[in-house]
Structures are given as C-alpha cells and as structure tokens.
Amino acid sequence: MPLVPGSLPEESREPLADCLAAGRVLVAAAGPAPDPLAEGPYAYVRPGRATDGFWTWDLAWERWVRRRGCAPPEEFVRHVEARRFVPPPGTNG
C-alpha cells in the first residue's frame, strides 16, 4: 500500500491514530528506523507490528496517520469506523 500524505480526511486522523496507538504490540525493534516520509534526515519511526485482535499493522502507521494524514487500507478504516473508533477489549497496550 503506498503512503500518500494527505489522503485521509482531517477529521478522521486523530481518532484513527488513537486506535492504532491503542493496539497490542506484537513485536518491536530495539531502535528506530528512518521514516520514508521524512522531509529531513533525522525523522524516525518505531519499527514493529501491533494488533487489535483482528488486524495487524506496522507501528509506524500511527505516526503516518496522525502527522502525515496517510490513509491506511480502506478495509481497515471501515473496520475501525464500525467499532466507532473503540479498540476491542483487552487489546490496549
């Protein structure tokens, strides 16, 4: 899926990013990785994967949604909207 800054409506960014941030971390690297959307040489993302029990995603998606407005896959957005942006019980953290 291509990262397209500004492809997510402004009103969806914060609630969607909050859901991504609330996912349970499955695996995380010890250090940061360069952000492919960085405008300078010193921007990094947290490498790893998280889940809400149904979907998994790169930990970096929270940053890309919140700061860059990149839209995740449409099916994932519909899944989160159907839950009214509330993570399933037991997945926070």
PDB file of N, CA and C in Angstrom:
ATOM      1  N   MET A   1       0.847  -1.177   0.000  1.00  0.00           N
ATOM      2  CA  MET A   1       0.000   0.000   0.000  1.00  0.00           C
ATOM      3  C   MET A   1       0.888   1.234   0.000  1.00  0.00           C
ATOM      4  N   PRO A   2       0.699   2.111  -0.949  1.00  0.00           N
ATOM      5  CA  PRO A   2       1.523   3.326  -0.999  1.00  0.00           C
ATOM      6  C   PRO A   2       1.160   4.292   0.123  1.00  0.00           C
ATOM      7  N   LEU A   3       2.148   4.978   0.620  1.00  0.00           N
ATOM      8  CA  LEU A   3       1.946   6.012   1.632  1.00  0.00           C
ATOM      9  C   LEU A   3       1.683   7.322   0.906  1.00  0.00           C
ATOM     10  N   VAL A   4       0.476   7.844   1.053  1.00  0.00           N
ATOM     11  CA  VAL A   4       0.102   9.067   0.354  1.00  0.00           C
ATOM     12  C   VAL A   4      -0.272  10.125   1.397  1.00  0.00           C
ATOM     13  N   PRO A   5       0.645  11.032   1.710  1.00  0.00           N
ATOM     14  CA  PRO A   5       0.329  12.085   2.670  1.00  0.00           C
ATOM     15  C   PRO A   5      -0.884  12.896   2.221  1.00  0.00           C
ATOM     16  N   GLY A   6      -1.761  13.200   3.189  1.00  0.00           N
ATOM     17  CA  GLY A   6      -2.940  13.997   2.911  1.00  0.00           C
ATOM     18  C   GLY A   6      -4.110  13.227   2.331  1.00  0.00           C
ATOM     19  N   SER A   7      -4.004  11.904   2.234  1.00  0.00           N
ATOM     20  CA  SER A   7      -5.079  11.118   1.627  1.00  0.00           C
ATOM     21  C   SER A   7      -6.199  10.763   2.606  1.00  0.00           C
ATOM     22  N   LEU A   8      -6.018  11.085   3.879  1.00  0.00           N
ATOM     23  CA  LEU A   8      -7.027  10.791   4.900  1.00  0.00           C
ATOM     24  C   LEU A   8      -7.680  12.103   5.333  1.00  0.00           C
ATOM     25  N   PRO A   9      -9.011  12.144   5.393  1.00  0.00           N
ATOM     26  CA  PRO A   9      -9.668  13.378   5.820  1.00  0.00           C
ATOM     27  C   PRO A   9      -9.190  13.815   7.217  1.00  0.00           C
ATOM     28  N   GLU A  10      -9.051  15.098   7.389  1.00  0.00           N
ATOM     29  CA  GLU A  10      -8.545  15.673   8.647  1.00  0.00           C
ATOM     30  C   GLU A  10      -9.322  15.170   9.862  1.00  0.00           C
ATOM     31  N   GLU A  11     -10.649  15.093   9.764  1.00  0.00           N
ATOM     32  CA  GLU A  11     -11.470  14.698  10.911  1.00  0.00           C
ATOM     33  C   GLU A  11     -11.294  13.233  11.313  1.00  0.00           C
ATOM     34  N   SER A  12     -10.732  12.417  10.445  1.00  0.00           N
ATOM     35  CA  SER A  12     -10.516  11.001  10.755  1.00  0.00           C
ATOM     36  C   SER A  12      -9.146  10.719  11.367  1.00  0.00           C
ATOM     37  N   ARG A  13      -8.234  11.645  11.244  1.00  0.00           N
ATOM     38  CA  ARG A  13      -6.842  11.386  11.628  1.00  0.00           C
ATOM     39  C   ARG A  13      -6.661  11.061  13.104  1.00  0.00           C
ATOM     40  N   GLU A  14      -7.120  11.928  13.986  1.00  0.00           N
ATOM     41  CA  GLU A  14      -6.890  11.714  15.421  1.00  0.00           C
ATOM     42  C   GLU A  14      -7.565  10.445  15.943  1.00  0.00           C
ATOM     43  N   PRO A  15      -8.873  10.235  15.675  1.00  0.00           N
ATOM     44  CA  PRO A  15      -9.481   9.015  16.215  1.00  0.00           C
ATOM     45  C   PRO A  15      -8.865   7.744  15.645  1.00  0.00           C
ATOM     46  N   LEU A  16      -8.505   7.768  14.374  1.00  0.00           N
ATOM     47  CA  LEU A  16      -7.891   6.594  13.769  1.00  0.00           C
ATOM     48  C   LEU A  16      -6.488   6.367  14.328  1.00  0.00           C
ATOM     49  N   ALA A  17      -5.718   7.424  14.471  1.00  0.00           N
ATOM     50  CA  ALA A  17      -4.374   7.302  15.044  1.00  0.00           C
ATOM     51  C   ALA A  17      -4.441   6.812  16.484  1.00  0.00           C
ATOM     52  N   ASP A  18      -5.434   7.269  17.241  1.00  0.00           N
ATOM     53  CA  ASP A  18      -5.592   6.807  18.621  1.00  0.00           C
ATOM     54  C   ASP A  18      -5.868   5.309  18.662  1.00  0.00           C
ATOM     55  N   CYS A  19      -6.672   4.812  17.729  1.00  0.00           N
ATOM     56  CA  CYS A  19      -6.943   3.367  17.669  1.00  0.00           C
ATOM     57  C   CYS A  19      -5.678   2.594  17.322  1.00  0.00           C
ATOM     58  N   LEU A  20      -4.909   3.120  16.383  1.00  0.00           N
ATOM     59  CA  LEU A  20      -3.652   2.461  16.026  1.00  0.00           C
ATOM     60  C   LEU A  20      -2.692   2.440  17.211  1.00  0.00           C
ATOM     61  N   ALA A  21      -2.641   3.538  17.949  1.00  0.00           N
ATOM     62  CA  ALA A  21      -1.747   3.616  19.110  1.00  0.00           C
ATOM     63  C   ALA A  21      -2.190   2.689  20.236  1.00  0.00           C
ATOM     64  N   ALA A  22      -3.483   2.356  20.287  1.00  0.00           N
ATOM     65  CA  ALA A  22      -4.020   1.512  21.350  1.00  0.00           C
ATOM     66  C   ALA A  22      -3.823   0.024  21.091  1.00  0.00           C
ATOM     67  N   GLY A  23      -3.340  -0.329  19.910  1.00  0.00           N
ATOM     68  CA  GLY A  23      -3.158  -1.747  19.592  1.00  0.00           C
ATOM     69  C   GLY A  23      -2.125  -2.422  20.488  1.00  0.00           C
ATOM     70  N   ARG A  24      -2.261  -3.714  20.631  1.00  0.00           N
ATOM     71  CA  ARG A  24      -1.310  -4.500  21.402  1.00  0.00           C
ATOM     72  C   ARG A  24      -0.068  -4.744  20.543  1.00  0.00           C
ATOM     73  N   VAL A  25       1.085  -4.402  21.062  1.00  0.00           N
ATOM     74  CA  VAL A  25       2.341  -4.581  20.328  1.00  0.00           C
ATOM     75  C   VAL A  25       2.673  -6.072  20.288  1.00  0.00           C
ATOM     76  N   LEU A  26       2.873  -6.571  19.080  1.00  0.00           N
ATOM     77  CA  LEU A  26       3.246  -7.969  18.888  1.00  0.00           C
ATOM     78  C   LEU A  26       4.754  -8.141  18.878  1.00  0.00           C
ATOM     79  N   VAL A  27       5.427  -7.226  18.200  1.00  0.00           N
ATOM     80  CA  VAL A  27       6.887  -7.260  18.103  1.00  0.00           C
ATOM     81  C   VAL A  27       7.367  -5.833  17.859  1.00  0.00           C
ATOM     82  N   ALA A  28       8.476  -5.488  18.502  1.00  0.00           N
ATOM     83  CA  ALA A  28       9.050  -4.151  18.311  1.00  0.00           C
ATOM     84  C   ALA A  28      10.561  -4.285  18.268  1.00  0.00           C
ATOM     85  N   ALA A  29      11.179  -3.496  17.435  1.00  0.00           N
ATOM     86  CA  ALA A  29      12.639  -3.493  17.328  1.00  0.00           C
ATOM     87  C   ALA A  29      13.215  -2.641  18.455  1.00  0.00           C
ATOM     88  N   ALA A  30      14.471  -2.869  18.748  1.00  0.00           N
ATOM     89  CA  ALA A  30      15.136  -2.154  19.833  1.00  0.00           C
ATOM     90  C   ALA A  30      15.391  -0.690  19.510  1.00  0.00           C
ATOM     91  N   GLY A  31      15.480  -0.353  18.246  1.00  0.00           N
ATOM     92  CA  GLY A  31      15.793   1.027  17.880  1.00  0.00           C
ATOM     93  C   GLY A  31      14.907   1.528  16.773  1.00  0.00           C
ATOM     94  N   PRO A  32      14.998   2.813  16.483  1.00  0.00           N
ATOM     95  CA  PRO A  32      14.158   3.407  15.441  1.00  0.00           C
ATOM     96  C   PRO A  32      14.665   3.088  14.035  1.00  0.00           C
ATOM     97  N   ALA A  33      13.794   3.335  13.065  1.00  0.00           N
ATOM     98  CA  ALA A  33      14.138   3.173  11.650  1.00  0.00           C
ATOM     99  C   ALA A  33      13.859   4.502  10.943  1.00  0.00           C
ATOM    100  N   PRO A  34      14.595   4.810   9.893  1.00  0.00           N
ATOM    101  CA  PRO A  34      14.320   6.053   9.159  1.00  0.00           C
ATOM    102  C   PRO A  34      12.888   6.081   8.636  1.00  0.00           C
ATOM    103  N   ASP A  35      12.258   7.225   8.725  1.00  0.00           N
ATOM    104  CA  ASP A  35      10.895   7.411   8.234  1.00  0.00           C
ATOM    105  C   ASP A  35      10.958   7.670   6.731  1.00  0.00           C
ATOM    106  N   PRO A  36      10.325   6.822   5.914  1.00  0.00           N
ATOM    107  CA  PRO A  36      10.379   7.037   4.460  1.00  0.00           C
ATOM    108  C   PRO A  36       9.676   8.316   4.008  1.00  0.00           C
ATOM    109  N   LEU A  37       8.874   8.907   4.877  1.00  0.00           N
ATOM    110  CA  LEU A  37       8.189  10.155   4.531  1.00  0.00           C
ATOM    111  C   LEU A  37       8.888  11.383   5.102  1.00  0.00           C
ATOM    112  N   ALA A  38      10.049  11.182   5.681  1.00  0.00           N
ATOM    113  CA  ALA A  38      10.762  12.279   6.331  1.00  0.00           C
ATOM    114  C   ALA A  38      11.124  13.371   5.342  1.00  0.00           C
ATOM    115  N   GLU A  39      11.015  14.588   5.807  1.00  0.00           N
ATOM    116  CA  GLU A  39      11.417  15.733   4.999  1.00  0.00           C
ATOM    117  C   GLU A  39      12.862  16.113   5.282  1.00  0.00           C
ATOM    118  N   GLY A  40      13.439  15.496   6.275  1.00  0.00           N
ATOM    119  CA  GLY A  40      14.827  15.736   6.637  1.00  0.00           C
ATOM    120  C   GLY A  40      15.488  14.428   7.037  1.00  0.00           C
ATOM    121  N   PRO A  41      16.760  14.463   7.343  1.00  0.00           N
ATOM    122  CA  PRO A  41      17.490  13.226   7.617  1.00  0.00           C
ATOM    123  C   PRO A  41      17.297  12.670   9.027  1.00  0.00           C
ATOM    124  N   TYR A  42      16.603  13.369   9.909  1.00  0.00           N
ATOM    125  CA  TYR A  42      16.545  12.933  11.304  1.00  0.00           C
ATOM    126  C   TYR A  42      15.143  12.593  11.796  1.00  0.00           C
ATOM    127  N   ALA A  43      14.306  12.059  10.954  1.00  0.00           N
ATOM    128  CA  ALA A  43      12.968  11.618  11.352  1.00  0.00           C
ATOM    129  C   ALA A  43      12.938  10.091  11.336  1.00  0.00           C
ATOM    130  N   TYR A  44      12.376   9.537  12.384  1.00  0.00           N
ATOM    131  CA  TYR A  44      12.371   8.088  12.536  1.00  0.00           C
ATOM    132  C   TYR A  44      10.978   7.593  12.911  1.00  0.00           C
ATOM    133  N   VAL A  45      10.764   6.308  12.665  1.00  0.00           N
ATOM    134  CA  VAL A  45       9.543   5.625  13.081  1.00  0.00           C
ATOM    135  C   VAL A  45       9.939   4.438  13.952  1.00  0.00           C
ATOM    136  N   ARG A  46       8.967   3.970  14.686  1.00  0.00           N
ATOM    137  CA  ARG A  46       9.172   2.817  15.565  1.00  0.00           C
ATOM    138  C   ARG A  46       8.859   1.547  14.772  1.00  0.00           C
ATOM    139  N   PRO A  47       9.860   0.723  14.481  1.00  0.00           N
ATOM    140  CA  PRO A  47       9.589  -0.500  13.725  1.00  0.00           C
ATOM    141  C   PRO A  47       8.944  -1.571  14.601  1.00  0.00           C
ATOM    142  N   GLY A  48       7.985  -2.264  14.054  1.00  0.00           N
ATOM    143  CA  GLY A  48       7.314  -3.343  14.765  1.00  0.00           C
ATOM    144  C   GLY A  48       5.907  -3.532  14.233  1.00  0.00           C
ATOM    145  N   ARG A  49       5.165  -4.421  14.891  1.00  0.00           N
ATOM    146  CA  ARG A  49       3.793  -4.732  14.490  1.00  0.00           C
ATOM    147  C   ARG A  49       2.888  -4.681  15.709  1.00  0.00           C
ATOM    148  N   ALA A  50       1.632  -4.290  15.482  1.00  0.00           N
ATOM    149  CA  ALA A  50       0.616  -4.251  16.533  1.00  0.00           C
ATOM    150  C   ALA A  50      -0.659  -4.897  15.998  1.00  0.00           C
ATOM    151  N   THR A  51      -1.602  -5.163  16.907  1.00  0.00           N
ATOM    152  CA  THR A  51      -2.866  -5.785  16.516  1.00  0.00           C
ATOM    153  C   THR A  51      -4.008  -5.273  17.381  1.00  0.00           C
ATOM    154  N   ASP A  52      -5.208  -5.410  16.855  1.00  0.00           N
ATOM    155  CA  ASP A  52      -6.409  -5.184  17.643  1.00  0.00           C
ATOM    156  C   ASP A  52      -7.146  -6.507  17.830  1.00  0.00           C
ATOM    157  N   GLY A  53      -6.488  -7.604  17.508  1.00  0.00           N
ATOM    158  CA  GLY A  53      -7.093  -8.926  17.601  1.00  0.00           C
ATOM    159  C   GLY A  53      -7.706  -9.398  16.304  1.00  0.00           C
ATOM    160  N   PHE A  54      -7.864  -8.479  15.352  1.00  0.00           N
ATOM    161  CA  PHE A  54      -8.419  -8.804  14.043  1.00  0.00           C
ATOM    162  C   PHE A  54      -7.440  -8.449  12.934  1.00  0.00           C
ATOM    163  N   TRP A  55      -6.873  -7.276  13.028  1.00  0.00           N
ATOM    164  CA  TRP A  55      -5.926  -6.759  12.043  1.00  0.00           C
ATOM    165  C   TRP A  55      -4.553  -6.612  12.686  1.00  0.00           C
ATOM    166  N   THR A  56      -3.520  -6.626  11.855  1.00  0.00           N
ATOM    167  CA  THR A  56      -2.173  -6.261  12.304  1.00  0.00           C
ATOM    168  C   THR A  56      -1.685  -5.123  11.419  1.00  0.00           C
ATOM    169  N   TRP A  57      -0.781  -4.304  11.967  1.00  0.00           N
ATOM    170  CA  TRP A  57      -0.257  -3.170  11.216  1.00  0.00           C
ATOM    171  C   TRP A  57       1.128  -2.803  11.722  1.00  0.00           C
ATOM    172  N   ASP A  58       1.851  -2.081  10.879  1.00  0.00           N
ATOM    173  CA  ASP A  58       3.147  -1.546  11.283  1.00  0.00           C
ATOM    174  C   ASP A  58       2.920  -0.472  12.337  1.00  0.00           C
ATOM    175  N   LEU A  59       3.762  -0.456  13.360  1.00  0.00           N
ATOM    176  CA  LEU A  59       3.652   0.568  14.399  1.00  0.00           C
ATOM    177  C   LEU A  59       3.762   1.973  13.817  1.00  0.00           C
ATOM    178  N   ALA A  60       4.472   2.113  12.726  1.00  0.00           N
ATOM    179  CA  ALA A  60       4.660   3.423  12.102  1.00  0.00           C
ATOM    180  C   ALA A  60       3.355   4.020  11.586  1.00  0.00           C
ATOM    181  N   TRP A  61       2.334   3.204  11.357  1.00  0.00           N
ATOM    182  CA  TRP A  61       1.079   3.739  10.824  1.00  0.00           C
ATOM    183  C   TRP A  61       0.470   4.795  11.731  1.00  0.00           C
ATOM    184  N   GLU A  62       0.630   4.674  13.032  1.00  0.00           N
ATOM    185  CA  GLU A  62       0.076   5.695  13.935  1.00  0.00           C
ATOM    186  C   GLU A  62       0.671   7.065  13.603  1.00  0.00           C
ATOM    187  N   ARG A  63       1.968   7.115  13.395  1.00  0.00           N
ATOM    188  CA  ARG A  63       2.651   8.377  13.058  1.00  0.00           C
ATOM    189  C   ARG A  63       2.217   8.884  11.684  1.00  0.00           C
ATOM    190  N   TRP A  64       2.172   7.965  10.715  1.00  0.00           N
ATOM    191  CA  TRP A  64       1.814   8.367   9.354  1.00  0.00           C
ATOM    192  C   TRP A  64       0.381   8.891   9.279  1.00  0.00           C
ATOM    193  N   VAL A  65      -0.523   8.303  10.039  1.00  0.00           N
ATOM    194  CA  VAL A  65      -1.910   8.778  10.066  1.00  0.00           C
ATOM    195  C   VAL A  65      -1.989  10.124  10.777  1.00  0.00           C
ATOM    196  N   ARG A  66      -1.413  10.200  11.975  1.00  0.00           N
ATOM    197  CA  ARG A  66      -1.545  11.399  12.800  1.00  0.00           C
ATOM    198  C   ARG A  66      -0.800  12.605  12.219  1.00  0.00           C
ATOM    199  N   ARG A  67       0.424  12.396  11.795  1.00  0.00           N
ATOM    200  CA  ARG A  67       1.254  13.525  11.364  1.00  0.00           C
ATOM    201  C   ARG A  67       1.209  13.809   9.874  1.00  0.00           C
ATOM    202  N   ARG A  68       0.982  12.785   9.078  1.00  0.00           N
ATOM    203  CA  ARG A  68       1.035  12.958   7.623  1.00  0.00           C
ATOM    204  C   ARG A  68      -0.314  12.822   6.936  1.00  0.00           C
ATOM    205  N   GLY A  69      -1.315  12.278   7.655  1.00  0.00           N
ATOM    206  CA  GLY A  69      -2.634  12.102   7.046  1.00  0.00           C
ATOM    207  C   GLY A  69      -2.672  11.024   5.988  1.00  0.00           C
ATOM    208  N   CYS A  70      -1.808  10.015   6.114  1.00  0.00           N
ATOM    209  CA  CYS A  70      -1.811   8.894   5.170  1.00  0.00           C
ATOM    210  C   CYS A  70      -2.968   7.953   5.507  1.00  0.00           C
ATOM    211  N   ALA A  71      -3.710   7.554   4.508  1.00  0.00           N
ATOM    212  CA  ALA A  71      -4.839   6.650   4.724  1.00  0.00           C
ATOM    213  C   ALA A  71      -4.359   5.203   4.732  1.00  0.00           C
ATOM    214  N   PRO A  72      -4.694   4.454   5.792  1.00  0.00           N
ATOM    215  CA  PRO A  72      -4.419   3.022   5.789  1.00  0.00           C
ATOM    216  C   PRO A  72      -5.363   2.323   4.808  1.00  0.00           C
ATOM    217  N   PRO A  73      -5.246   1.006   4.647  1.00  0.00           N
ATOM    218  CA  PRO A  73      -6.162   0.306   3.745  1.00  0.00           C
ATOM    219  C   PRO A  73      -7.627   0.605   4.082  1.00  0.00           C
ATOM    220  N   GLU A  74      -8.422   0.768   3.058  1.00  0.00           N
ATOM    221  CA  GLU A  74      -9.829   1.129   3.220  1.00  0.00           C
ATOM    222  C   GLU A  74     -10.589   0.125   4.087  1.00  0.00           C
ATOM    223  N   GLU A  75     -10.292  -1.172   3.933  1.00  0.00           N
ATOM    224  CA  GLU A  75     -10.958  -2.194   4.746  1.00  0.00           C
ATOM    225  C   GLU A  75     -10.679  -1.998   6.228  1.00  0.00           C
ATOM    226  N   PHE A  76      -9.446  -1.606   6.564  1.00  0.00           N
ATOM    227  CA  PHE A  76      -9.100  -1.358   7.961  1.00  0.00           C
ATOM    228  C   PHE A  76      -9.861  -0.139   8.487  1.00  0.00           C
ATOM    229  N   VAL A  77      -9.945   0.912   7.703  1.00  0.00           N
ATOM    230  CA  VAL A  77     -10.664   2.114   8.119  1.00  0.00           C
ATOM    231  C   VAL A  77     -12.131   1.767   8.372  1.00  0.00           C
ATOM    232  N   ARG A  78     -12.758   0.994   7.492  1.00  0.00           N
ATOM    233  CA  ARG A  78     -14.152   0.579   7.698  1.00  0.00           C
ATOM    234  C   ARG A  78     -14.295  -0.250   8.976  1.00  0.00           C
ATOM    235  N   HIS A  79     -13.323  -1.131   9.235  1.00  0.00           N
ATOM    236  CA  HIS A  79     -13.323  -1.961  10.448  1.00  0.00           C
ATOM    237  C   HIS A  79     -13.305  -1.078  11.700  1.00  0.00           C
ATOM    238  N   VAL A  80     -12.442  -0.083  11.725  1.00  0.00           N
ATOM    239  CA  VAL A  80     -12.323   0.813  12.879  1.00  0.00           C
ATOM    240  C   VAL A  80     -13.570   1.699  13.005  1.00  0.00           C
ATOM    241  N   GLU A  81     -14.074   2.190  11.900  1.00  0.00           N
ATOM    242  CA  GLU A  81     -15.292   3.009  11.935  1.00  0.00           C
ATOM    243  C   GLU A  81     -16.486   2.205  12.450  1.00  0.00           C
ATOM    244  N   ALA A  82     -16.578   0.931  12.048  1.00  0.00           N
ATOM    245  CA  ALA A  82     -17.676   0.078  12.508  1.00  0.00           C
ATOM    246  C   ALA A  82     -17.625  -0.108  14.024  1.00  0.00           C
ATOM    247  N   ARG A  83     -16.437  -0.043  14.595  1.00  0.00           N
ATOM    248  CA  ARG A  83     -16.261  -0.152  16.053  1.00  0.00           C
ATOM    249  C   ARG A  83     -16.349   1.222  16.717  1.00  0.00           C
ATOM    250  N   ARG A  84     -16.688   2.251  15.930  1.00  0.00           N
ATOM    251  CA  ARG A  84     -16.777   3.636  16.416  1.00  0.00           C
ATOM    252  C   ARG A  84     -15.465   4.087  17.063  1.00  0.00           C
ATOM    253  N   PHE A  85     -14.368   3.638  16.454  1.00  0.00           N
ATOM    254  CA  PHE A  85     -13.016   4.012  16.864  1.00  0.00           C
ATOM    255  C   PHE A  85     -12.663   3.533  18.274  1.00  0.00           C
ATOM    256  N   VAL A  86     -13.356   2.506  18.760  1.00  0.00           N
ATOM    257  CA  VAL A  86     -13.063   1.938  20.079  1.00  0.00           C
ATOM    258  C   VAL A  86     -12.350   0.608  19.871  1.00  0.00           C
ATOM    259  N   PRO A  87     -11.137   0.452  20.420  1.00  0.00           N
ATOM    260  CA  PRO A  87     -10.432  -0.826  20.267  1.00  0.00           C
ATOM    261  C   PRO A  87     -11.181  -1.950  20.988  1.00  0.00           C
ATOM    262  N   PRO A  88     -11.068  -3.179  20.490  1.00  0.00           N
ATOM    263  CA  PRO A  88     -11.700  -4.309  21.176  1.00  0.00           C
ATOM    264  C   PRO A  88     -11.130  -4.445  22.599  1.00  0.00           C
ATOM    265  N   PRO A  89     -11.939  -4.941  23.529  1.00  0.00           N
ATOM    266  CA  PRO A  89     -11.460  -5.112  24.908  1.00  0.00           C
ATOM    267  C   PRO A  89     -10.217  -5.998  24.958  1.00  0.00           C
ATOM    268  N   GLY A  90      -9.300  -5.618  25.829  1.00  0.00           N
ATOM    269  CA  GLY A  90      -8.100  -6.422  26.039  1.00  0.00           C
ATOM    270  C   GLY A  90      -6.978  -6.200  25.046  1.00  0.00           C
ATOM    271  N   THR A  91      -7.142  -5.265  24.095  1.00  0.00           N
ATOM    272  CA  THR A  91      -6.064  -5.062  23.131  1.00  0.00           C
ATOM    273  C   THR A  91      -5.231  -3.831  23.427  1.00  0.00           C
ATOM    274  N   ASN A  92      -5.672  -2.983  24.316  1.00  0.00           N
ATOM    275  CA  ASN A  92      -4.908  -1.749  24.604  1.00  0.00           C
ATOM    276  C   ASN A  92      -3.553  -2.069  25.189  1.00  0.00           C
ATOM    277  N   GLY A  93      -2.555  -1.437  24.563  1.00  0.00           N
ATOM    278  CA  GLY A  93      -1.205  -1.526  25.106  1.00  0.00           C
ATOM    279  C   GLY A  93      -0.413  -2.564  24.520  1.00  0.00           C
TER     280      GLY A  93
END
